[in-house]
Amino acid sequence: SPMNSSELQSLIESDQEAGNLFATGNDRACAVRCSAIAPKVSRAVPALELKRQASLTGVWARIVIARENPETPVEVKGVLITFLDWIKDGNALDFSLPAVQQMAGGLVQAGLLSSDELDGILTLAESYPVITESMVEQLRTNT
């Protein structure tokens, strides 16, 4: 997602190299530097991306099998049904929400998702803000 001008200004001011590039009018290099130092932002993970990741790692199959297994405890089945329905309905999962974290934690606790697999899924939720040369140029024009 694009960074707003006040966030960009703060980022440039927080870094000596970015500040120097901005001061000398090197907008392209300033944008590159800002992109490199910008903090990651969290995003909701689209259902299709999440299902693809879960399928590639075998998590999806494990969850479906556990849901069908009559010996799976009822409280675990509840978490599985919620997760599967959420994805099948095409909803994005926002891992910054406590309810989603709780659901993921339930899958880990039930042994259906390892912490490494969860880390792989959480990586999908991270993105870097978009910072372009024209954004830096616009900031210069407006200040």
Protein backbone atom coordinates (compact mmCIF):
# COMPACT_ATOMS: atom_id res chain seq x y z
CA SER A 1 0.00 0.00 0.00
CA PRO A 2 1.27 3.50 -0.73
CA MET A 3 2.78 5.47 2.12
CA ASN A 4 1.18 8.87 2.80
CA SER A 5 3.26 12.05 2.58
CA SER A 6 3.60 12.62 6.33
CA GLU A 7 4.77 9.02 6.84
CA LEU A 8 7.25 9.46 3.98
CA GLN A 9 8.50 12.75 5.43
CA SER A 10 9.05 11.08 8.84
CA LEU A 11 10.85 8.16 7.22
CA ILE A 12 13.19 10.49 5.30
CA GLU A 13 13.88 12.55 8.43
CA SER A 14 14.62 9.38 10.44
CA ASP A 15 17.44 8.26 8.15
CA GLN A 16 20.60 10.25 7.43
CA GLU A 17 21.19 8.68 4.00
CA ALA A 18 17.60 9.26 2.86
CA GLY A 19 17.76 12.80 4.24
CA ASN A 20 20.97 13.55 2.32
CA LEU A 21 19.54 12.13 -0.93
CA PHE A 22 16.38 14.19 -0.47
CA ALA A 23 18.40 17.33 0.29
CA THR A 24 20.50 16.90 -2.86
CA GLY A 25 17.39 16.34 -5.02
CA ASN A 26 18.13 12.71 -5.87
CA ASP A 27 14.49 11.58 -5.69
CA ARG A 28 15.01 8.17 -7.32
CA ALA A 29 17.81 7.13 -4.92
CA CYS A 30 15.83 8.57 -2.02
CA ALA A 31 12.80 6.44 -2.99
CA VAL A 32 15.01 3.33 -3.27
CA ARG A 33 16.55 4.02 0.15
CA CYS A 34 13.15 4.66 1.74
CA SER A 35 11.80 1.43 0.26
CA ALA A 36 14.72 -0.45 1.81
CA ILE A 37 14.25 0.99 5.31
CA ALA A 38 10.44 1.26 5.45
CA PRO A 39 8.82 -0.94 8.08
CA LYS A 40 6.67 -3.82 6.87
CA VAL A 41 2.93 -3.32 7.00
CA SER A 42 0.37 -5.97 7.81
CA ARG A 43 -2.34 -6.85 5.33
CA ALA A 44 -5.22 -9.27 5.29
CA VAL A 45 -4.23 -12.41 3.38
CA PRO A 46 -6.59 -13.19 0.47
CA ALA A 47 -8.28 -16.58 0.83
CA LEU A 48 -6.80 -17.94 -2.41
CA GLU A 49 -3.21 -17.13 -1.35
CA LEU A 50 -3.80 -18.67 2.06
CA LYS A 51 -5.33 -21.83 0.60
CA ARG A 52 -2.46 -22.16 -1.92
CA GLN A 53 0.16 -21.86 0.86
CA ALA A 54 -1.75 -24.32 3.08
CA SER A 55 -2.11 -26.77 0.17
CA LEU A 56 1.56 -26.61 -0.84
CA THR A 57 2.68 -27.34 2.72
CA GLY A 58 0.18 -30.17 3.34
CA VAL A 59 -1.65 -28.16 6.01
CA TRP A 60 -4.89 -28.03 4.00
CA ALA A 61 -5.06 -31.84 3.65
CA ARG A 62 -4.28 -32.32 7.36
CA ILE A 63 -7.09 -29.94 8.33
CA VAL A 64 -9.65 -31.56 5.99
CA ILE A 65 -8.70 -35.07 7.20
CA ALA A 66 -8.93 -34.00 10.86
CA ARG A 67 -12.35 -32.43 10.21
CA GLU A 68 -13.62 -35.74 8.77
CA ASN A 69 -12.06 -37.84 11.54
CA PRO A 70 -14.73 -38.84 14.13
CA GLU A 71 -12.02 -38.98 16.83
CA THR A 72 -11.08 -35.31 16.44
CA PRO A 73 -12.20 -33.51 19.63
CA VAL A 74 -15.27 -31.27 19.23
CA GLU A 75 -13.42 -28.06 20.24
CA VAL A 76 -10.75 -28.73 17.57
CA LYS A 77 -13.46 -29.50 14.98
CA GLY A 78 -14.99 -26.10 15.74
CA VAL A 79 -11.71 -24.36 14.86
CA LEU A 80 -11.32 -26.46 11.69
CA ILE A 81 -14.84 -25.78 10.49
CA THR A 82 -14.43 -22.05 11.10
CA PHE A 83 -11.11 -21.95 9.23
CA LEU A 84 -12.31 -24.03 6.25
CA ASP A 85 -15.61 -22.13 5.95
CA TRP A 86 -13.80 -18.80 6.16
CA ILE A 87 -11.47 -19.74 3.30
CA LYS A 88 -14.20 -21.40 1.18
CA ASP A 89 -16.33 -18.24 1.50
CA GLY A 90 -13.41 -16.31 0.00
CA ASN A 91 -12.74 -14.15 3.04
CA ALA A 92 -9.32 -12.64 3.59
CA LEU A 93 -7.73 -13.43 6.95
CA ASP A 94 -6.38 -10.49 8.95
CA PHE A 95 -3.77 -11.93 11.31
CA SER A 96 -3.67 -8.69 13.31
CA LEU A 97 -7.13 -9.56 14.71
CA PRO A 98 -7.17 -11.47 18.03
CA ALA A 99 -9.88 -13.89 16.79
CA VAL A 100 -7.74 -14.89 13.80
CA GLN A 101 -4.65 -15.26 16.01
CA GLN A 102 -6.71 -17.44 18.34
CA MET A 103 -7.86 -19.62 15.43
CA ALA A 104 -4.26 -20.01 14.19
CA GLY A 105 -3.15 -20.79 17.74
CA GLY A 106 -5.85 -23.45 17.96
CA LEU A 107 -4.53 -25.12 14.80
CA VAL A 108 -0.99 -25.10 16.23
CA GLN A 109 -2.21 -26.43 19.59
CA ALA A 110 -4.12 -29.24 17.85
CA GLY A 111 -0.88 -30.23 16.07
CA LEU A 112 -2.33 -29.48 12.63
CA LEU A 113 -0.05 -26.54 11.97
CA SER A 114 3.60 -26.28 13.03
CA SER A 115 5.01 -22.96 14.17
CA ASP A 116 7.21 -22.94 11.04
CA GLU A 117 4.13 -23.43 8.86
CA LEU A 118 2.36 -20.64 10.75
CA ASP A 119 5.39 -18.38 10.19
CA GLY A 120 5.15 -19.14 6.47
CA ILE A 121 1.50 -18.11 6.48
CA LEU A 122 2.23 -14.98 8.53
CA THR A 123 4.85 -13.98 5.95
CA LEU A 124 1.98 -13.71 3.45
CA ALA A 125 0.47 -11.03 5.70
CA GLU A 126 3.57 -8.83 5.48
CA SER A 127 4.08 -6.35 2.73
CA TYR A 128 6.27 -3.33 2.22
CA PRO A 129 4.83 0.10 1.58
CA VAL A 130 5.10 1.38 -1.98
CA ILE A 131 7.48 4.35 -2.30
CA THR A 132 8.09 5.81 -5.75
CA GLU A 133 10.30 8.52 -7.15
CA SER A 134 7.21 10.61 -7.98
CA MET A 135 6.06 10.40 -4.34
CA VAL A 136 9.41 11.82 -3.19
CA GLU A 137 9.23 14.47 -5.91
CA GLN A 138 5.70 15.42 -4.84
CA LEU A 139 6.82 15.71 -1.22
CA ARG A 140 9.59 18.08 -2.30
CA THR A 141 7.11 20.21 -4.28
CA ASN A 142 4.71 20.44 -1.32
CA THR A 143 7.31 21.33 1.33
